[in-house]
Amino acid sequence: MRAGEDHRITFRKAEMEEMDWAYQLFKSGLQQYIAETWGWNELFQHHSFLANLPASSFIIASLCEEDIGGYCLKNKTDHLYLEMLLLTPQRQRKGLGTQIMQHVMLQAKLQGLPVHLSVLKNNPAHKFYRQLGFSVYAEDSFRYKMSSAVAKTKPV
């Protein structure tokens, strides 16, 4: 970004026609790790993505009117579950993922809930989440299940 540019990320719910873009973002970011772990089946992945991440629950992040990524955060009884966090390749490693996660963490704090997520062990994103204060609470052969610290105060 150049000096003087607006660094504020804006958020909006995705429209149905934007989900193909979101799927391509998912594919460019995660195909390598999924393929290494289980193999890549295009039909299965595309169907699963659309079934688990409907447009109504996918939030698109934009910077200077450019769509740079998005996330899906689901409300559970005792936590918020980060289903997916995606950034365009050219916008990665520039602090924007951290800004999006700060937005997610603020939502969790306002609800007095921790954020849980699952990340493949071969995906270096688990280091990113650790830097943000997430810790592993469970794991299996393929993934880490991580949680943020529980927000201590829930607004009345």
C-alpha atoms as a PDB file:
ATOM      1  CA  MET A   1       0.000   0.000   0.000  1.00  0.00           C
ATOM      2  CA  ARG A   2       1.174   3.519  -0.718  1.00  0.00           C
ATOM      3  CA  ALA A   3       1.338   6.325   1.798  1.00  0.00           C
ATOM      4  CA  GLY A   4      -1.986   8.061   2.181  1.00  0.00           C
ATOM      5  CA  GLU A   5      -4.072   5.045   1.138  1.00  0.00           C
ATOM      6  CA  ASP A   6      -6.996   3.994   3.297  1.00  0.00           C
ATOM      7  CA  HIS A   7      -6.058   0.863   5.267  1.00  0.00           C
ATOM      8  CA  ARG A   8      -9.540   0.169   6.627  1.00  0.00           C
ATOM      9  CA  ILE A   9     -11.056  -3.107   5.663  1.00  0.00           C
ATOM     10  CA  THR A  10     -14.794  -3.134   5.098  1.00  0.00           C
ATOM     11  CA  PHE A  11     -17.026  -6.179   5.439  1.00  0.00           C
ATOM     12  CA  ARG A  12     -20.240  -7.272   3.739  1.00  0.00           C
ATOM     13  CA  LYS A  13     -22.283 -10.440   3.331  1.00  0.00           C
ATOM     14  CA  ALA A  14     -21.526 -12.244   0.089  1.00  0.00           C
ATOM     15  CA  GLU A  15     -24.057 -12.426  -2.703  1.00  0.00           C
ATOM     16  CA  MET A  16     -24.767 -15.790  -4.318  1.00  0.00           C
ATOM     17  CA  GLU A  17     -22.992 -14.754  -7.532  1.00  0.00           C
ATOM     18  CA  GLU A  18     -19.797 -14.007  -5.553  1.00  0.00           C
ATOM     19  CA  MET A  19     -19.431 -17.560  -4.266  1.00  0.00           C
ATOM     20  CA  ASP A  20     -17.628 -18.756  -7.401  1.00  0.00           C
ATOM     21  CA  TRP A  21     -14.975 -16.109  -6.673  1.00  0.00           C
ATOM     22  CA  ALA A  22     -14.843 -17.309  -3.054  1.00  0.00           C
ATOM     23  CA  TYR A  23     -14.445 -20.927  -4.193  1.00  0.00           C
ATOM     24  CA  GLN A  24     -11.563 -19.986  -6.499  1.00  0.00           C
ATOM     25  CA  LEU A  25      -9.959 -18.196  -3.554  1.00  0.00           C
ATOM     26  CA  PHE A  26     -10.431 -21.321  -1.407  1.00  0.00           C
ATOM     27  CA  LYS A  27      -8.946 -23.473  -4.163  1.00  0.00           C
ATOM     28  CA  SER A  28      -5.911 -21.245  -4.745  1.00  0.00           C
ATOM     29  CA  GLY A  29      -5.187 -21.053  -1.028  1.00  0.00           C
ATOM     30  CA  LEU A  30      -5.935 -24.549   0.215  1.00  0.00           C
ATOM     31  CA  GLN A  31      -5.826 -27.008  -2.694  1.00  0.00           C
ATOM     32  CA  GLN A  32      -2.144 -27.800  -2.111  1.00  0.00           C
ATOM     33  CA  TYR A  33      -2.683 -28.690   1.565  1.00  0.00           C
ATOM     34  CA  ILE A  34      -5.876 -30.660   0.971  1.00  0.00           C
ATOM     35  CA  ALA A  35      -4.282 -32.549  -1.939  1.00  0.00           C
ATOM     36  CA  GLU A  36      -1.251 -33.454   0.200  1.00  0.00           C
ATOM     37  CA  THR A  37      -3.509 -34.636   3.032  1.00  0.00           C
ATOM     38  CA  TRP A  38      -6.366 -36.507   1.318  1.00  0.00           C
ATOM     39  CA  GLY A  39      -6.038 -35.912  -2.402  1.00  0.00           C
ATOM     40  CA  TRP A  40      -8.076 -33.358  -4.341  1.00  0.00           C
ATOM     41  CA  ASN A  41     -11.452 -34.234  -5.816  1.00  0.00           C
ATOM     42  CA  GLU A  42     -12.740 -31.148  -7.632  1.00  0.00           C
ATOM     43  CA  LEU A  43     -16.412 -32.161  -7.665  1.00  0.00           C
ATOM     44  CA  PHE A  44     -16.397 -33.096  -3.974  1.00  0.00           C
ATOM     45  CA  GLN A  45     -14.520 -29.947  -2.916  1.00  0.00           C
ATOM     46  CA  HIS A  46     -16.747 -27.615  -4.927  1.00  0.00           C
ATOM     47  CA  HIS A  47     -19.945 -29.208  -3.627  1.00  0.00           C
ATOM     48  CA  SER A  48     -18.657 -29.298  -0.050  1.00  0.00           C
ATOM     49  CA  PHE A  49     -17.564 -25.657  -0.189  1.00  0.00           C
ATOM     50  CA  LEU A  50     -20.954 -24.442  -1.397  1.00  0.00           C
ATOM     51  CA  ALA A  51     -22.855 -26.706   1.015  1.00  0.00           C
ATOM     52  CA  ASN A  52     -20.850 -25.657   4.084  1.00  0.00           C
ATOM     53  CA  LEU A  53     -20.342 -21.989   3.219  1.00  0.00           C
ATOM     54  CA  PRO A  54     -23.567 -20.529   1.888  1.00  0.00           C
ATOM     55  CA  ALA A  55     -23.413 -16.934   0.692  1.00  0.00           C
ATOM     56  CA  SER A  56     -25.604 -15.930   3.637  1.00  0.00           C
ATOM     57  CA  SER A  57     -22.827 -16.874   6.065  1.00  0.00           C
ATOM     58  CA  PHE A  58     -19.764 -15.789   4.039  1.00  0.00           C
ATOM     59  CA  ILE A  59     -18.393 -12.320   4.741  1.00  0.00           C
ATOM     60  CA  ILE A  60     -16.305 -10.619   2.071  1.00  0.00           C
ATOM     61  CA  ALA A  61     -13.472  -8.320   3.156  1.00  0.00           C
ATOM     62  CA  SER A  62     -12.650  -5.371   0.905  1.00  0.00           C
ATOM     63  CA  LEU A  63      -9.875  -2.816   0.915  1.00  0.00           C
ATOM     64  CA  CYS A  64     -10.139   0.338  -1.205  1.00  0.00           C
ATOM     65  CA  GLU A  65     -13.147  -1.222  -2.970  1.00  0.00           C
ATOM     66  CA  GLU A  66     -11.101  -4.317  -3.916  1.00  0.00           C
ATOM     67  CA  ASP A  67     -12.292  -7.684  -2.598  1.00  0.00           C
ATOM     68  CA  ILE A  68      -9.287  -9.162  -0.812  1.00  0.00           C
ATOM     69  CA  GLY A  69     -10.734 -12.169   0.991  1.00  0.00           C
ATOM     70  CA  GLY A  70     -13.403 -13.345   3.319  1.00  0.00           C
ATOM     71  CA  TYR A  71     -14.398 -15.521   6.207  1.00  0.00           C
ATOM     72  CA  CYS A  72     -17.207 -17.615   7.594  1.00  0.00           C
ATOM     73  CA  LEU A  73     -17.893 -17.418  11.326  1.00  0.00           C
ATOM     74  CA  LYS A  74     -20.595 -19.655  12.767  1.00  0.00           C
ATOM     75  CA  ASN A  75     -22.336 -19.183  16.114  1.00  0.00           C
ATOM     76  CA  LYS A  76     -22.244 -22.228  18.384  1.00  0.00           C
ATOM     77  CA  THR A  77     -23.645 -22.533  21.895  1.00  0.00           C
ATOM     78  CA  ASP A  78     -20.382 -21.866  23.753  1.00  0.00           C
ATOM     79  CA  HIS A  79     -18.051 -20.476  21.066  1.00  0.00           C
ATOM     80  CA  LEU A  80     -17.794 -18.956  17.608  1.00  0.00           C
ATOM     81  CA  TYR A  81     -16.418 -21.301  14.953  1.00  0.00           C
ATOM     82  CA  LEU A  82     -14.197 -19.858  12.228  1.00  0.00           C
ATOM     83  CA  GLU A  83     -15.099 -22.152   9.352  1.00  0.00           C
ATOM     84  CA  MET A  84     -12.841 -20.428   6.836  1.00  0.00           C
ATOM     85  CA  LEU A  85     -10.507 -17.451   6.454  1.00  0.00           C
ATOM     86  CA  LEU A  86      -9.337 -16.682   2.927  1.00  0.00           C
ATOM     87  CA  LEU A  87      -7.133 -13.966   1.444  1.00  0.00           C
ATOM     88  CA  THR A  88      -6.101 -13.368  -2.151  1.00  0.00           C
ATOM     89  CA  PRO A  89      -2.494 -14.530  -2.660  1.00  0.00           C
ATOM     90  CA  GLN A  90      -1.230 -11.018  -3.447  1.00  0.00           C
ATOM     91  CA  ARG A  91      -2.701  -9.680  -0.173  1.00  0.00           C
ATOM     92  CA  GLN A  92      -1.194 -12.345   2.104  1.00  0.00           C
ATOM     93  CA  ARG A  93       1.622 -11.593   4.552  1.00  0.00           C
ATOM     94  CA  LYS A  94       0.799  -7.863   4.659  1.00  0.00           C
ATOM     95  CA  GLY A  95      -1.073  -7.714   7.968  1.00  0.00           C
ATOM     96  CA  LEU A  96      -4.521  -7.895   6.402  1.00  0.00           C
ATOM     97  CA  GLY A  97      -5.291 -11.368   7.756  1.00  0.00           C
ATOM     98  CA  THR A  98      -4.438 -10.033  11.202  1.00  0.00           C
ATOM     99  CA  GLN A  99      -6.844  -7.117  10.686  1.00  0.00           C
ATOM    100  CA  ILE A 100      -9.614  -9.500   9.631  1.00  0.00           C
ATOM    101  CA  MET A 101      -8.928 -11.695  12.654  1.00  0.00           C
ATOM    102  CA  GLN A 102      -9.040  -8.635  14.934  1.00  0.00           C
ATOM    103  CA  HIS A 103     -12.521  -7.975  13.538  1.00  0.00           C
ATOM    104  CA  VAL A 104     -13.493 -11.615  14.223  1.00  0.00           C
ATOM    105  CA  MET A 105     -12.020 -11.477  17.722  1.00  0.00           C
ATOM    106  CA  LEU A 106     -13.928  -8.287  18.499  1.00  0.00           C
ATOM    107  CA  GLN A 107     -17.171 -10.059  17.586  1.00  0.00           C
ATOM    108  CA  ALA A 108     -16.209 -12.894  19.931  1.00  0.00           C
ATOM    109  CA  LYS A 109     -15.295 -10.486  22.742  1.00  0.00           C
ATOM    110  CA  LEU A 110     -18.620  -8.671  22.425  1.00  0.00           C
ATOM    111  CA  GLN A 111     -20.373 -12.031  22.844  1.00  0.00           C
ATOM    112  CA  GLY A 112     -18.041 -13.197  25.617  1.00  0.00           C
ATOM    113  CA  LEU A 113     -17.070 -16.282  23.625  1.00  0.00           C
ATOM    114  CA  PRO A 114     -13.834 -17.857  22.415  1.00  0.00           C
ATOM    115  CA  VAL A 115     -13.189 -18.552  18.738  1.00  0.00           C
ATOM    116  CA  HIS A 116     -12.497 -22.132  17.689  1.00  0.00           C
ATOM    117  CA  LEU A 117     -11.066 -23.261  14.362  1.00  0.00           C
ATOM    118  CA  SER A 118      -9.508 -26.250  12.668  1.00  0.00           C
ATOM    119  CA  VAL A 119      -6.415 -26.046  10.461  1.00  0.00           C
ATOM    120  CA  LEU A 120      -4.545 -28.726   8.556  1.00  0.00           C
ATOM    121  CA  LYS A 121      -1.185 -29.551  10.123  1.00  0.00           C
ATOM    122  CA  ASN A 122       0.616 -29.068   6.807  1.00  0.00           C
ATOM    123  CA  ASN A 123      -0.884 -25.583   6.368  1.00  0.00           C
ATOM    124  CA  PRO A 124       1.514 -22.948   7.741  1.00  0.00           C
ATOM    125  CA  ALA A 125      -1.540 -20.886   8.768  1.00  0.00           C
ATOM    126  CA  HIS A 126      -1.427 -22.674  12.132  1.00  0.00           C
ATOM    127  CA  LYS A 127       1.634 -20.517  12.930  1.00  0.00           C
ATOM    128  CA  PHE A 128      -0.371 -17.387  12.076  1.00  0.00           C
ATOM    129  CA  TYR A 129      -3.134 -18.418  14.481  1.00  0.00           C
ATOM    130  CA  ARG A 130      -0.586 -19.179  17.223  1.00  0.00           C
ATOM    131  CA  GLN A 131       0.857 -15.667  16.799  1.00  0.00           C
ATOM    132  CA  LEU A 132      -2.654 -14.328  17.364  1.00  0.00           C
ATOM    133  CA  GLY A 133      -2.885 -16.171  20.679  1.00  0.00           C
ATOM    134  CA  PHE A 134      -4.684 -19.336  19.604  1.00  0.00           C
ATOM    135  CA  SER A 135      -3.647 -22.592  21.224  1.00  0.00           C
ATOM    136  CA  VAL A 136      -4.197 -26.219  20.278  1.00  0.00           C
ATOM    137  CA  TYR A 137      -6.855 -27.909  22.403  1.00  0.00           C
ATOM    138  CA  ALA A 138      -7.079 -31.123  20.349  1.00  0.00           C
ATOM    139  CA  GLU A 139      -5.533 -32.709  17.284  1.00  0.00           C
ATOM    140  CA  ASP A 140      -5.849 -35.724  15.063  1.00  0.00           C
ATOM    141  CA  SER A 141      -3.593 -37.123  12.357  1.00  0.00           C
ATOM    142  CA  PHE A 142      -4.424 -34.306   9.937  1.00  0.00           C
ATOM    143  CA  ARG A 143      -5.457 -31.153  11.801  1.00  0.00           C
ATOM    144  CA  TYR A 144      -5.064 -28.970  14.822  1.00  0.00           C
ATOM    145  CA  LYS A 145      -8.174 -27.796  16.625  1.00  0.00           C
ATOM    146  CA  MET A 146      -7.384 -24.393  18.056  1.00  0.00           C
ATOM    147  CA  SER A 147      -9.072 -21.922  20.370  1.00  0.00           C
ATOM    148  CA  SER A 148      -8.604 -18.309  21.339  1.00  0.00           C
ATOM    149  CA  ALA A 149      -8.599 -17.326  24.962  1.00  0.00           C
ATOM    150  CA  VAL A 150     -12.092 -17.118  26.402  1.00  0.00           C
ATOM    151  CA  ALA A 151     -13.317 -13.563  26.576  1.00  0.00           C
ATOM    152  CA  LYS A 152     -13.694 -12.821  30.295  1.00  0.00           C
ATOM    153  CA  THR A 153     -16.487 -10.311  30.170  1.00  0.00           C
ATOM    154  CA  LYS A 154     -19.806 -10.699  28.480  1.00  0.00           C
ATOM    155  CA  PRO A 155     -21.789  -7.475  28.105  1.00  0.00           C
ATOM    156  CA  VAL A 156     -25.053  -7.309  30.031  1.00  0.00           C
END
